[in-house]
Structure formats: C-alpha cells, structure tokens
Amino acid sequence: MGFWHNVENECEYRGISRKELASAADFSVHTISNGIKRNSIPSVDIALRISHILNIDLEDLIDENFSAQKSNLSEQKTQDPIIQKYIPLIQKIENLPTESREAVYTIINNL
C-alpha cells in the first residue's frame, strides 16, 4: 500500500469523503484516483496539507505498513468490549489539534 491508499483508508476510518479532503486541502478530487492508479506520492505541499487535515504524521502516510497496522488494531478493537466502550472517546481525542491531544495524553498519564 502506498501514500494514497493510506490516505483513503484514513479518510474511510474518519468518515471523510474524497471530495471533503480535496476541498479542505485545496486540490482536485481526481488527484486521489490518479494517485492510487499510479501508486504515486503527491507534491510535498499537498502531502503536508493532507497530513495536517487528517492529523497524522506525514511519515505514517508514506509508510507502506501503516494501513496494515491500523487494520490489525481495528480487528482487535471489535473483539474487546472494553475497547468498544472507549472508541468514541479515542476518536474525539484523535481529531483534536496536536497541542490539545498532547495535553489530554499528559493529563491521562498523570492520573
């Protein structure tokens, strides 16, 4: 899996459409389809905008194993009822800006 597959999987995970991502990152929605077909990586400025919007490190989006690792975690989540209980909270934390997310982590770690 390449960059665009990781982007597509992350958008699906977060419930963001291709059109919404393209609009927010200011690029053509066809860029995603073409990137998947060609297994390419976009220009640095587009890649950075996408990573910022998805709130994911650019290195993770480029990582060939990122989607597979996330998929394994998703499978584990669905099997554990305790994890199921906290998935909505985790998703909210993941959607926070980096500074806020780190503050939440600090608070939790200090409990």
PDB file of N, CA and C in Angstrom:
ATOM      1  N   MET A   1       0.842  -1.185   0.000  1.00  0.00           N
ATOM      2  CA  MET A   1       0.000   0.000   0.000  1.00  0.00           C
ATOM      3  C   MET A   1       0.876   1.234   0.000  1.00  0.00           C
ATOM      4  N   GLY A   2       0.428   2.238  -0.721  1.00  0.00           N
ATOM      5  CA  GLY A   2       1.177   3.468  -0.820  1.00  0.00           C
ATOM      6  C   GLY A   2       0.476   4.623  -0.132  1.00  0.00           C
ATOM      7  N   PHE A   3       1.016   5.788  -0.365  1.00  0.00           N
ATOM      8  CA  PHE A   3       0.523   7.016   0.253  1.00  0.00           C
ATOM      9  C   PHE A   3      -0.983   7.180   0.083  1.00  0.00           C
ATOM     10  N   TRP A   4      -1.459   7.112  -1.171  1.00  0.00           N
ATOM     11  CA  TRP A   4      -2.872   7.382  -1.421  1.00  0.00           C
ATOM     12  C   TRP A   4      -3.782   6.311  -0.835  1.00  0.00           C
ATOM     13  N   HIS A   5      -3.323   5.068  -0.781  1.00  0.00           N
ATOM     14  CA  HIS A   5      -4.122   4.023  -0.132  1.00  0.00           C
ATOM     15  C   HIS A   5      -4.236   4.323   1.367  1.00  0.00           C
ATOM     16  N   ASN A   6      -3.136   4.761   1.967  1.00  0.00           N
ATOM     17  CA  ASN A   6      -3.174   5.122   3.385  1.00  0.00           C
ATOM     18  C   ASN A   6      -4.118   6.297   3.626  1.00  0.00           C
ATOM     19  N   VAL A   7      -4.063   7.281   2.726  1.00  0.00           N
ATOM     20  CA  VAL A   7      -4.962   8.439   2.844  1.00  0.00           C
ATOM     21  C   VAL A   7      -6.413   7.979   2.726  1.00  0.00           C
ATOM     22  N   GLU A   8      -6.678   7.157   1.725  1.00  0.00           N
ATOM     23  CA  GLU A   8      -8.038   6.677   1.507  1.00  0.00           C
ATOM     24  C   GLU A   8      -8.545   5.876   2.721  1.00  0.00           C
ATOM     25  N   ASN A   9      -7.713   5.001   3.264  1.00  0.00           N
ATOM     26  CA  ASN A   9      -8.114   4.213   4.434  1.00  0.00           C
ATOM     27  C   ASN A   9      -8.355   5.101   5.644  1.00  0.00           C
ATOM     28  N   GLU A  10      -7.516   6.108   5.816  1.00  0.00           N
ATOM     29  CA  GLU A  10      -7.688   7.012   6.949  1.00  0.00           C
ATOM     30  C   GLU A  10      -8.957   7.837   6.797  1.00  0.00           C
ATOM     31  N   CYS A  11      -9.234   8.279   5.584  1.00  0.00           N
ATOM     32  CA  CYS A  11     -10.476   9.032   5.340  1.00  0.00           C
ATOM     33  C   CYS A  11     -11.690   8.161   5.633  1.00  0.00           C
ATOM     34  N   GLU A  12     -11.637   6.924   5.199  1.00  0.00           N
ATOM     35  CA  GLU A  12     -12.742   5.999   5.462  1.00  0.00           C
ATOM     36  C   GLU A  12     -12.917   5.795   6.961  1.00  0.00           C
ATOM     37  N   TYR A  13     -11.805   5.622   7.666  1.00  0.00           N
ATOM     38  CA  TYR A  13     -11.828   5.428   9.118  1.00  0.00           C
ATOM     39  C   TYR A  13     -12.457   6.635   9.825  1.00  0.00           C
ATOM     40  N   ARG A  14     -12.162   7.827   9.328  1.00  0.00           N
ATOM     41  CA  ARG A  14     -12.646   9.059   9.955  1.00  0.00           C
ATOM     42  C   ARG A  14     -13.971   9.555   9.384  1.00  0.00           C
ATOM     43  N   GLY A  15     -14.464   8.887   8.350  1.00  0.00           N
ATOM     44  CA  GLY A  15     -15.727   9.294   7.750  1.00  0.00           C
ATOM     45  C   GLY A  15     -15.616  10.560   6.912  1.00  0.00           C
ATOM     46  N   ILE A  16     -14.455  10.750   6.286  1.00  0.00           N
ATOM     47  CA  ILE A  16     -14.224  11.912   5.435  1.00  0.00           C
ATOM     48  C   ILE A  16     -14.251  11.445   3.982  1.00  0.00           C
ATOM     49  N   SER A  17     -15.014  12.112   3.147  1.00  0.00           N
ATOM     50  CA  SER A  17     -15.080  11.736   1.737  1.00  0.00           C
ATOM     51  C   SER A  17     -13.862  12.273   0.991  1.00  0.00           C
ATOM     52  N   ARG A  18     -13.613  11.715  -0.186  1.00  0.00           N
ATOM     53  CA  ARG A  18     -12.535  12.220  -1.038  1.00  0.00           C
ATOM     54  C   ARG A  18     -12.759  13.693  -1.353  1.00  0.00           C
ATOM     55  N   LYS A  19     -14.009  14.020  -1.657  1.00  0.00           N
ATOM     56  CA  LYS A  19     -14.353  15.392  -2.016  1.00  0.00           C
ATOM     57  C   LYS A  19     -14.072  16.353  -0.856  1.00  0.00           C
ATOM     58  N   GLU A  20     -14.432  15.952   0.361  1.00  0.00           N
ATOM     59  CA  GLU A  20     -14.182  16.794   1.531  1.00  0.00           C
ATOM     60  C   GLU A  20     -12.687  17.011   1.749  1.00  0.00           C
ATOM     61  N   LEU A  21     -11.917  15.937   1.623  1.00  0.00           N
ATOM     62  CA  LEU A  21     -10.471  16.054   1.808  1.00  0.00           C
ATOM     63  C   LEU A  21      -9.867  16.952   0.741  1.00  0.00           C
ATOM     64  N   ALA A  22     -10.230  16.715  -0.508  1.00  0.00           N
ATOM     65  CA  ALA A  22      -9.700  17.518  -1.611  1.00  0.00           C
ATOM     66  C   ALA A  22     -10.039  18.999  -1.427  1.00  0.00           C
ATOM     67  N   SER A  23     -11.250  19.273  -1.009  1.00  0.00           N
ATOM     68  CA  SER A  23     -11.663  20.656  -0.792  1.00  0.00           C
ATOM     69  C   SER A  23     -10.867  21.293   0.343  1.00  0.00           C
ATOM     70  N   ALA A  24     -10.744  20.577   1.444  1.00  0.00           N
ATOM     71  CA  ALA A  24     -10.026  21.107   2.606  1.00  0.00           C
ATOM     72  C   ALA A  24      -8.541  21.314   2.322  1.00  0.00           C
ATOM     73  N   ALA A  25      -7.955  20.429   1.518  1.00  0.00           N
ATOM     74  CA  ALA A  25      -6.519  20.516   1.216  1.00  0.00           C
ATOM     75  C   ALA A  25      -6.243  21.290  -0.064  1.00  0.00           C
ATOM     76  N   ASP A  26      -7.300  21.751  -0.721  1.00  0.00           N
ATOM     77  CA  ASP A  26      -7.184  22.571  -1.916  1.00  0.00           C
ATOM     78  C   ASP A  26      -6.454  21.871  -3.067  1.00  0.00           C
ATOM     79  N   PHE A  27      -6.988  20.703  -3.454  1.00  0.00           N
ATOM     80  CA  PHE A  27      -6.508  20.011  -4.646  1.00  0.00           C
ATOM     81  C   PHE A  27      -7.682  19.302  -5.297  1.00  0.00           C
ATOM     82  N   SER A  28      -7.490  18.829  -6.508  1.00  0.00           N
ATOM     83  CA  SER A  28      -8.558  18.175  -7.254  1.00  0.00           C
ATOM     84  C   SER A  28      -8.854  16.790  -6.686  1.00  0.00           C
ATOM     85  N   VAL A  29     -10.133  16.460  -6.600  1.00  0.00           N
ATOM     86  CA  VAL A  29     -10.523  15.144  -6.104  1.00  0.00           C
ATOM     87  C   VAL A  29      -9.976  14.030  -7.007  1.00  0.00           C
ATOM     88  N   HIS A  30      -9.756  14.340  -8.273  1.00  0.00           N
ATOM     89  CA  HIS A  30      -9.211  13.345  -9.204  1.00  0.00           C
ATOM     90  C   HIS A  30      -7.760  12.994  -8.874  1.00  0.00           C
ATOM     91  N   THR A  31      -7.102  13.844  -8.113  1.00  0.00           N
ATOM     92  CA  THR A  31      -5.718  13.585  -7.716  1.00  0.00           C
ATOM     93  C   THR A  31      -5.623  12.291  -6.917  1.00  0.00           C
ATOM     94  N   ILE A  32      -6.626  12.016  -6.101  1.00  0.00           N
ATOM     95  CA  ILE A  32      -6.615  10.792  -5.299  1.00  0.00           C
ATOM     96  C   ILE A  32      -6.741   9.576  -6.204  1.00  0.00           C
ATOM     97  N   SER A  33      -7.715   9.577  -7.089  1.00  0.00           N
ATOM     98  CA  SER A  33      -7.901   8.439  -8.005  1.00  0.00           C
ATOM     99  C   SER A  33      -6.654   8.202  -8.840  1.00  0.00           C
ATOM    100  N   ASN A  34      -6.103   9.284  -9.392  1.00  0.00           N
ATOM    101  CA  ASN A  34      -4.900   9.149 -10.212  1.00  0.00           C
ATOM    102  C   ASN A  34      -3.713   8.667  -9.390  1.00  0.00           C
ATOM    103  N   GLY A  35      -3.600   9.151  -8.163  1.00  0.00           N
ATOM    104  CA  GLY A  35      -2.507   8.725  -7.284  1.00  0.00           C
ATOM    105  C   GLY A  35      -2.590   7.251  -6.944  1.00  0.00           C
ATOM    106  N   ILE A  36      -3.814   6.752  -6.714  1.00  0.00           N
ATOM    107  CA  ILE A  36      -3.995   5.327  -6.415  1.00  0.00           C
ATOM    108  C   ILE A  36      -3.642   4.490  -7.638  1.00  0.00           C
ATOM    109  N   LYS A  37      -4.128   4.907  -8.818  1.00  0.00           N
ATOM    110  CA  LYS A  37      -3.843   4.161 -10.045  1.00  0.00           C
ATOM    111  C   LYS A  37      -2.345   4.097 -10.322  1.00  0.00           C
ATOM    112  N   ARG A  38      -1.658   5.199 -10.094  1.00  0.00           N
ATOM    113  CA  ARG A  38      -0.228   5.284 -10.411  1.00  0.00           C
ATOM    114  C   ARG A  38       0.666   4.879  -9.243  1.00  0.00           C
ATOM    115  N   ASN A  39       0.059   4.671  -8.071  1.00  0.00           N
ATOM    116  CA  ASN A  39       0.810   4.376  -6.851  1.00  0.00           C
ATOM    117  C   ASN A  39       1.879   5.444  -6.622  1.00  0.00           C
ATOM    118  N   SER A  40       1.442   6.698  -6.708  1.00  0.00           N
ATOM    119  CA  SER A  40       2.373   7.822  -6.616  1.00  0.00           C
ATOM    120  C   SER A  40       2.239   8.541  -5.281  1.00  0.00           C
ATOM    121  N   ILE A  41       3.112   9.484  -5.092  1.00  0.00           N
ATOM    122  CA  ILE A  41       3.088  10.352  -3.921  1.00  0.00           C
ATOM    123  C   ILE A  41       2.887  11.776  -4.444  1.00  0.00           C
ATOM    124  N   PRO A  42       2.030  12.571  -3.799  1.00  0.00           N
ATOM    125  CA  PRO A  42       1.789  13.930  -4.292  1.00  0.00           C
ATOM    126  C   PRO A  42       2.971  14.848  -4.003  1.00  0.00           C
ATOM    127  N   SER A  43       2.857  16.065  -4.458  1.00  0.00           N
ATOM    128  CA  SER A  43       3.884  17.059  -4.139  1.00  0.00           C
ATOM    129  C   SER A  43       3.923  17.251  -2.624  1.00  0.00           C
ATOM    130  N   VAL A  44       5.031  17.748  -2.151  1.00  0.00           N
ATOM    131  CA  VAL A  44       5.237  17.904  -0.708  1.00  0.00           C
ATOM    132  C   VAL A  44       4.175  18.802  -0.089  1.00  0.00           C
ATOM    133  N   ASP A  45       3.823  19.890  -0.741  1.00  0.00           N
ATOM    134  CA  ASP A  45       2.848  20.804  -0.146  1.00  0.00           C
ATOM    135  C   ASP A  45       1.481  20.143   0.009  1.00  0.00           C
ATOM    136  N   ILE A  46       1.050  19.373  -0.976  1.00  0.00           N
ATOM    137  CA  ILE A  46      -0.231  18.670  -0.863  1.00  0.00           C
ATOM    138  C   ILE A  46      -0.151  17.595   0.221  1.00  0.00           C
ATOM    139  N   ALA A  47       0.943  16.843   0.241  1.00  0.00           N
ATOM    140  CA  ALA A  47       1.110  15.785   1.245  1.00  0.00           C
ATOM    141  C   ALA A  47       1.070  16.370   2.658  1.00  0.00           C
ATOM    142  N   LEU A  48       1.716  17.501   2.857  1.00  0.00           N
ATOM    143  CA  LEU A  48       1.712  18.142   4.176  1.00  0.00           C
ATOM    144  C   LEU A  48       0.324  18.640   4.563  1.00  0.00           C
ATOM    145  N   ARG A  49      -0.391  19.215   3.593  1.00  0.00           N
ATOM    146  CA  ARG A  49      -1.761  19.676   3.880  1.00  0.00           C
ATOM    147  C   ARG A  49      -2.646  18.503   4.265  1.00  0.00           C
ATOM    148  N   ILE A  50      -2.501  17.395   3.547  1.00  0.00           N
ATOM    149  CA  ILE A  50      -3.306  16.204   3.850  1.00  0.00           C
ATOM    150  C   ILE A  50      -2.974  15.682   5.240  1.00  0.00           C
ATOM    151  N   SER A  51      -1.693  15.576   5.564  1.00  0.00           N
ATOM    152  CA  SER A  51      -1.315  15.061   6.890  1.00  0.00           C
ATOM    153  C   SER A  51      -1.835  15.977   7.991  1.00  0.00           C
ATOM    154  N   HIS A  52      -1.835  17.288   7.741  1.00  0.00           N
ATOM    155  CA  HIS A  52      -2.347  18.241   8.725  1.00  0.00           C
ATOM    156  C   HIS A  52      -3.854  18.063   8.907  1.00  0.00           C
ATOM    157  N   ILE A  53      -4.573  17.949   7.805  1.00  0.00           N
ATOM    158  CA  ILE A  53      -6.035  17.801   7.872  1.00  0.00           C
ATOM    159  C   ILE A  53      -6.418  16.493   8.569  1.00  0.00           C
ATOM    160  N   LEU A  54      -5.705  15.415   8.241  1.00  0.00           N
ATOM    161  CA  LEU A  54      -6.002  14.118   8.852  1.00  0.00           C
ATOM    162  C   LEU A  54      -5.371  13.974  10.233  1.00  0.00           C
ATOM    163  N   ASN A  55      -4.541  14.962  10.597  1.00  0.00           N
ATOM    164  CA  ASN A  55      -3.881  14.956  11.899  1.00  0.00           C
ATOM    165  C   ASN A  55      -3.038  13.693  12.095  1.00  0.00           C
ATOM    166  N   ILE A  56      -2.264  13.376  11.058  1.00  0.00           N
ATOM    167  CA  ILE A  56      -1.393  12.199  11.058  1.00  0.00           C
ATOM    168  C   ILE A  56      -0.019  12.639  10.581  1.00  0.00           C
ATOM    169  N   ASP A  57       1.022  12.078  11.179  1.00  0.00           N
ATOM    170  CA  ASP A  57       2.371  12.383  10.718  1.00  0.00           C
ATOM    171  C   ASP A  57       2.526  11.980   9.265  1.00  0.00           C
ATOM    172  N   LEU A  58       3.203  12.814   8.510  1.00  0.00           N
ATOM    173  CA  LEU A  58       3.449  12.538   7.103  1.00  0.00           C
ATOM    174  C   LEU A  58       4.178  11.206   6.932  1.00  0.00           C
ATOM    175  N   GLU A  59       5.088  10.910   7.837  1.00  0.00           N
ATOM    176  CA  GLU A  59       5.833   9.650   7.768  1.00  0.00           C
ATOM    177  C   GLU A  59       4.897   8.446   7.819  1.00  0.00           C
ATOM    178  N   ASP A  60       3.828   8.544   8.603  1.00  0.00           N
ATOM    179  CA  ASP A  60       2.859   7.446   8.689  1.00  0.00           C
ATOM    180  C   ASP A  60       2.105   7.274   7.378  1.00  0.00           C
ATOM    181  N   LEU A  61       1.762   8.379   6.734  1.00  0.00           N
ATOM    182  CA  LEU A  61       1.043   8.285   5.467  1.00  0.00           C
ATOM    183  C   LEU A  61       1.924   7.681   4.367  1.00  0.00           C
ATOM    184  N   ILE A  62       3.200   7.911   4.449  1.00  0.00           N
ATOM    185  CA  ILE A  62       4.128   7.369   3.460  1.00  0.00           C
ATOM    186  C   ILE A  62       4.464   5.905   3.763  1.00  0.00           C
ATOM    187  N   ASP A  63       4.367   5.509   5.026  1.00  0.00           N
ATOM    188  CA  ASP A  63       4.728   4.154   5.472  1.00  0.00           C
ATOM    189  C   ASP A  63       3.889   3.094   4.767  1.00  0.00           C
ATOM    190  N   GLU A  64       4.547   2.157   4.124  1.00  0.00           N
ATOM    191  CA  GLU A  64       3.875   1.066   3.397  1.00  0.00           C
ATOM    192  C   GLU A  64       3.047   0.181   4.335  1.00  0.00           C
ATOM    193  N   ASN A  65       3.419   0.103   5.607  1.00  0.00           N
ATOM    194  CA  ASN A  65       2.746  -0.796   6.545  1.00  0.00           C
ATOM    195  C   ASN A  65       1.700  -0.107   7.407  1.00  0.00           C
ATOM    196  N   PHE A  66       1.524   1.199   7.237  1.00  0.00           N
ATOM    197  CA  PHE A  66       0.631   1.964   8.111  1.00  0.00           C
ATOM    198  C   PHE A  66      -0.795   1.435   8.106  1.00  0.00           C
ATOM    199  N   SER A  67      -1.373   1.222   6.934  1.00  0.00           N
ATOM    200  CA  SER A  67      -2.758   0.748   6.843  1.00  0.00           C
ATOM    201  C   SER A  67      -2.909  -0.652   7.417  1.00  0.00           C
ATOM    202  N   ALA A  68      -1.922  -1.502   7.185  1.00  0.00           N
ATOM    203  CA  ALA A  68      -1.988  -2.869   7.708  1.00  0.00           C
ATOM    204  C   ALA A  68      -1.951  -2.855   9.229  1.00  0.00           C
ATOM    205  N   GLN A  69      -1.107  -1.997   9.810  1.00  0.00           N
ATOM    206  CA  GLN A  69      -1.032  -1.897  11.259  1.00  0.00           C
ATOM    207  C   GLN A  69      -2.345  -1.392  11.822  1.00  0.00           C
ATOM    208  N   LYS A  70      -2.912  -0.389  11.181  1.00  0.00           N
ATOM    209  CA  LYS A  70      -4.179   0.181  11.640  1.00  0.00           C
ATOM    210  C   LYS A  70      -5.309  -0.840  11.507  1.00  0.00           C
ATOM    211  N   SER A  71      -5.272  -1.628  10.432  1.00  0.00           N
ATOM    212  CA  SER A  71      -6.276  -2.659  10.207  1.00  0.00           C
ATOM    213  C   SER A  71      -6.233  -3.703  11.321  1.00  0.00           C
ATOM    214  N   ASN A  72      -5.023  -4.104  11.709  1.00  0.00           N
ATOM    215  CA  ASN A  72      -4.883  -5.069  12.801  1.00  0.00           C
ATOM    216  C   ASN A  72      -5.455  -4.515  14.097  1.00  0.00           C
ATOM    217  N   LEU A  73      -5.210  -3.227  14.351  1.00  0.00           N
ATOM    218  CA  LEU A  73      -5.769  -2.602  15.542  1.00  0.00           C
ATOM    219  C   LEU A  73      -7.287  -2.564  15.483  1.00  0.00           C
ATOM    220  N   SER A  74      -7.838  -2.284  14.316  1.00  0.00           N
ATOM    221  CA  SER A  74      -9.292  -2.236  14.160  1.00  0.00           C
ATOM    222  C   SER A  74      -9.914  -3.591  14.452  1.00  0.00           C
ATOM    223  N   GLU A  75      -9.271  -4.658  13.984  1.00  0.00           N
ATOM    224  CA  GLU A  75      -9.779  -6.007  14.252  1.00  0.00           C
ATOM    225  C   GLU A  75      -9.755  -6.300  15.742  1.00  0.00           C
ATOM    226  N   GLN A  76      -8.682  -5.886  16.418  1.00  0.00           N
ATOM    227  CA  GLN A  76      -8.588  -6.113  17.859  1.00  0.00           C
ATOM    228  C   GLN A  76      -9.668  -5.326  18.590  1.00  0.00           C
ATOM    229  N   LYS A  77      -9.933  -4.107  18.141  1.00  0.00           N
ATOM    230  CA  LYS A  77     -10.944  -3.261  18.781  1.00  0.00           C
ATOM    231  C   LYS A  77     -12.309  -3.917  18.776  1.00  0.00           C
ATOM    232  N   THR A  78     -12.680  -4.493  17.654  1.00  0.00           N
ATOM    233  CA  THR A  78     -14.021  -5.044  17.534  1.00  0.00           C
ATOM    234  C   THR A  78     -14.214  -6.264  18.413  1.00  0.00           C
ATOM    235  N   GLN A  79     -13.134  -6.863  18.883  1.00  0.00           N
ATOM    236  CA  GLN A  79     -13.237  -8.070  19.686  1.00  0.00           C
ATOM    237  C   GLN A  79     -13.284  -7.787  21.185  1.00  0.00           C
ATOM    238  N   ASP A  80     -12.892  -6.626  21.608  1.00  0.00           N
ATOM    239  CA  ASP A  80     -12.784  -6.331  23.032  1.00  0.00           C
ATOM    240  C   ASP A  80     -13.886  -5.349  23.453  1.00  0.00           C
ATOM    241  N   PRO A  81     -14.834  -5.785  24.322  1.00  0.00           N
ATOM    242  CA  PRO A  81     -15.939  -4.909  24.714  1.00  0.00           C
ATOM    243  C   PRO A  81     -15.494  -3.667  25.484  1.00  0.00           C
ATOM    244  N   ILE A  82     -14.419  -3.765  26.236  1.00  0.00           N
ATOM    245  CA  ILE A  82     -13.928  -2.593  26.971  1.00  0.00           C
ATOM    246  C   ILE A  82     -13.422  -1.545  25.982  1.00  0.00           C
ATOM    247  N   ILE A  83     -12.693  -1.986  24.973  1.00  0.00           N
ATOM    248  CA  ILE A  83     -12.198  -1.058  23.960  1.00  0.00           C
ATOM    249  C   ILE A  83     -13.368  -0.453  23.196  1.00  0.00           C
ATOM    250  N   GLN A  84     -14.370  -1.250  22.891  1.00  0.00           N
ATOM    251  CA  GLN A  84     -15.563  -0.754  22.192  1.00  0.00           C
ATOM    252  C   GLN A  84     -16.183   0.426  22.937  1.00  0.00           C
ATOM    253  N   LYS A  85     -16.181   0.331  24.246  1.00  0.00           N
ATOM    254  CA  LYS A  85     -16.773   1.372  25.079  1.00  0.00           C
ATOM    255  C   LYS A  85     -16.073   2.720  24.893  1.00  0.00           C
ATOM    256  N   TYR A  86     -14.760   2.689  24.663  1.00  0.00           N
ATOM    257  CA  TYR A  86     -13.982   3.922  24.605  1.00  0.00           C
ATOM    258  C   TYR A  86     -13.630   4.392  23.188  1.00  0.00           C
ATOM    259  N   ILE A  87     -14.040   3.661  22.173  1.00  0.00           N
ATOM    260  CA  ILE A  87     -13.726   4.053  20.796  1.00  0.00           C
ATOM    261  C   ILE A  87     -14.211   5.475  20.477  1.00  0.00           C
ATOM    262  N   PRO A  88     -15.440   5.857  20.820  1.00  0.00           N
ATOM    263  CA  PRO A  88     -15.867   7.240  20.508  1.00  0.00           C
ATOM    264  C   PRO A  88     -14.976   8.292  21.171  1.00  0.00           C
ATOM    265  N   LEU A  89     -14.552   8.040  22.388  1.00  0.00           N
ATOM    266  CA  LEU A  89     -13.678   8.980  23.090  1.00  0.00           C
ATOM    267  C   LEU A  89     -12.303   9.049  22.408  1.00  0.00           C
ATOM    268  N   ILE A  90     -11.780   7.908  22.036  1.00  0.00           N
ATOM    269  CA  ILE A  90     -10.481   7.859  21.353  1.00  0.00           C
ATOM    270  C   ILE A  90     -10.560   8.616  20.026  1.00  0.00           C
ATOM    271  N   GLN A  91     -11.642   8.431  19.285  1.00  0.00           N
ATOM    272  CA  GLN A  91     -11.793   9.135  18.014  1.00  0.00           C
ATOM    273  C   GLN A  91     -11.849  10.647  18.218  1.00  0.00           C
ATOM    274  N   LYS A  92     -12.527  11.087  19.270  1.00  0.00           N
ATOM    275  CA  LYS A  92     -12.582  12.517  19.558  1.00  0.00           C
ATOM    276  C   LYS A  92     -11.189  13.056  19.893  1.00  0.00           C
ATOM    277  N   ILE A  93     -10.439  12.311  20.675  1.00  0.00           N
ATOM    278  CA  ILE A  93      -9.079  12.729  21.034  1.00  0.00           C
ATOM    279  C   ILE A  93      -8.201  12.793  19.784  1.00  0.00           C
ATOM    280  N   GLU A  94      -8.312  11.801  18.917  1.00  0.00           N
ATOM    281  CA  GLU A  94      -7.505  11.756  17.696  1.00  0.00           C
ATOM    282  C   GLU A  94      -7.820  12.929  16.765  1.00  0.00           C
ATOM    283  N   ASN A  95      -9.017  13.463  16.828  1.00  0.00           N
ATOM    284  CA  ASN A  95      -9.404  14.576  15.957  1.00  0.00           C
ATOM    285  C   ASN A  95      -9.027  15.942  16.522  1.00  0.00           C
ATOM    286  N   LEU A  96      -8.500  15.966  17.741  1.00  0.00           N
ATOM    287  CA  LEU A  96      -8.070  17.227  18.340  1.00  0.00           C
ATOM    288  C   LEU A  96      -6.796  17.739  17.671  1.00  0.00           C
ATOM    289  N   PRO A  97      -6.560  19.044  17.724  1.00  0.00           N
ATOM    290  CA  PRO A  97      -5.268  19.560  17.258  1.00  0.00           C
ATOM    291  C   PRO A  97      -4.144  18.942  18.090  1.00  0.00           C
ATOM    292  N   THR A  98      -2.963  18.885  17.526  1.00  0.00           N
ATOM    293  CA  THR A  98      -1.834  18.197  18.167  1.00  0.00           C
ATOM    294  C   THR A  98      -1.585  18.673  19.590  1.00  0.00           C
ATOM    295  N   GLU A  99      -1.560  19.984  19.816  1.00  0.00           N
ATOM    296  CA  GLU A  99      -1.301  20.501  21.166  1.00  0.00           C
ATOM    297  C   GLU A  99      -2.346  20.037  22.160  1.00  0.00           C
ATOM    298  N   SER A 100      -3.602  20.094  21.779  1.00  0.00           N
ATOM    299  CA  SER A 100      -4.686  19.668  22.671  1.00  0.00           C
ATOM    300  C   SER A 100      -4.605  18.172  22.940  1.00  0.00           C
ATOM    301  N   ARG A 101      -4.315  17.393  21.904  1.00  0.00           N
ATOM    302  CA  ARG A 101      -4.213  15.945  22.060  1.00  0.00           C
ATOM    303  C   ARG A 101      -3.083  15.595  23.024  1.00  0.00           C
ATOM    304  N   GLU A 102      -1.945  16.280  22.873  1.00  0.00           N
ATOM    305  CA  GLU A 102      -0.821  16.027  23.772  1.00  0.00           C
ATOM    306  C   GLU A 102      -1.163  16.413  25.209  1.00  0.00           C
ATOM    307  N   ALA A 103      -1.941  17.475  25.377  1.00  0.00           N
ATOM    308  CA  ALA A 103      -2.368  17.886  26.717  1.00  0.00           C
ATOM    309  C   ALA A 103      -3.258  16.817  27.341  1.00  0.00           C
ATOM    310  N   VAL A 104      -4.150  16.244  26.549  1.00  0.00           N
ATOM    311  CA  VAL A 104      -5.017  15.171  27.050  1.00  0.00           C
ATOM    312  C   VAL A 104      -4.172  13.970  27.459  1.00  0.00           C
ATOM    313  N   TYR A 105      -3.197  13.615  26.634  1.00  0.00           N
ATOM    314  CA  TYR A 105      -2.300  12.482  26.964  1.00  0.00           C
ATOM    315  C   TYR A 105      -1.571  12.746  28.281  1.00  0.00           C
ATOM    316  N   THR A 106      -1.112  13.983  28.461  1.00  0.00           N
ATOM    317  CA  THR A 106      -0.387  14.337  29.684  1.00  0.00           C
ATOM    318  C   THR A 106      -1.299  14.197  30.885  1.00  0.00           C
ATOM    319  N   ILE A 107      -2.509  14.694  30.757  1.00  0.00           N
ATOM    320  CA  ILE A 107      -3.470  14.596  31.872  1.00  0.00           C
ATOM    321  C   ILE A 107      -3.727  13.134  32.214  1.00  0.00           C
ATOM    322  N   ILE A 108      -3.978  12.320  31.212  1.00  0.00           N
ATOM    323  CA  ILE A 108      -4.269  10.907  31.452  1.00  0.00           C
ATOM    324  C   ILE A 108      -3.074  10.207  32.080  1.00  0.00           C
ATOM    325  N   ASN A 109      -1.887  10.495  31.569  1.00  0.00           N
ATOM    326  CA  ASN A 109      -0.687   9.845  32.111  1.00  0.00           C
ATOM    327  C   ASN A 109      -0.393  10.257  33.546  1.00  0.00           C
ATOM    328  N   ASN A 110      -0.885  11.423  33.971  1.00  0.00           N
ATOM    329  CA  ASN A 110      -0.649  11.887  35.333  1.00  0.00           C
ATOM    330  C   ASN A 110      -1.728  11.454  36.329  1.00  0.00           C
ATOM    331  N   LEU A 111      -2.710  10.732  35.859  1.00  0.00           N
ATOM    332  CA  LEU A 111      -3.774  10.255  36.759  1.00  0.00           C
ATOM    333  C   LEU A 111      -3.255   9.159  37.663  1.00  0.00           C
TER     334      LEU A 111
END
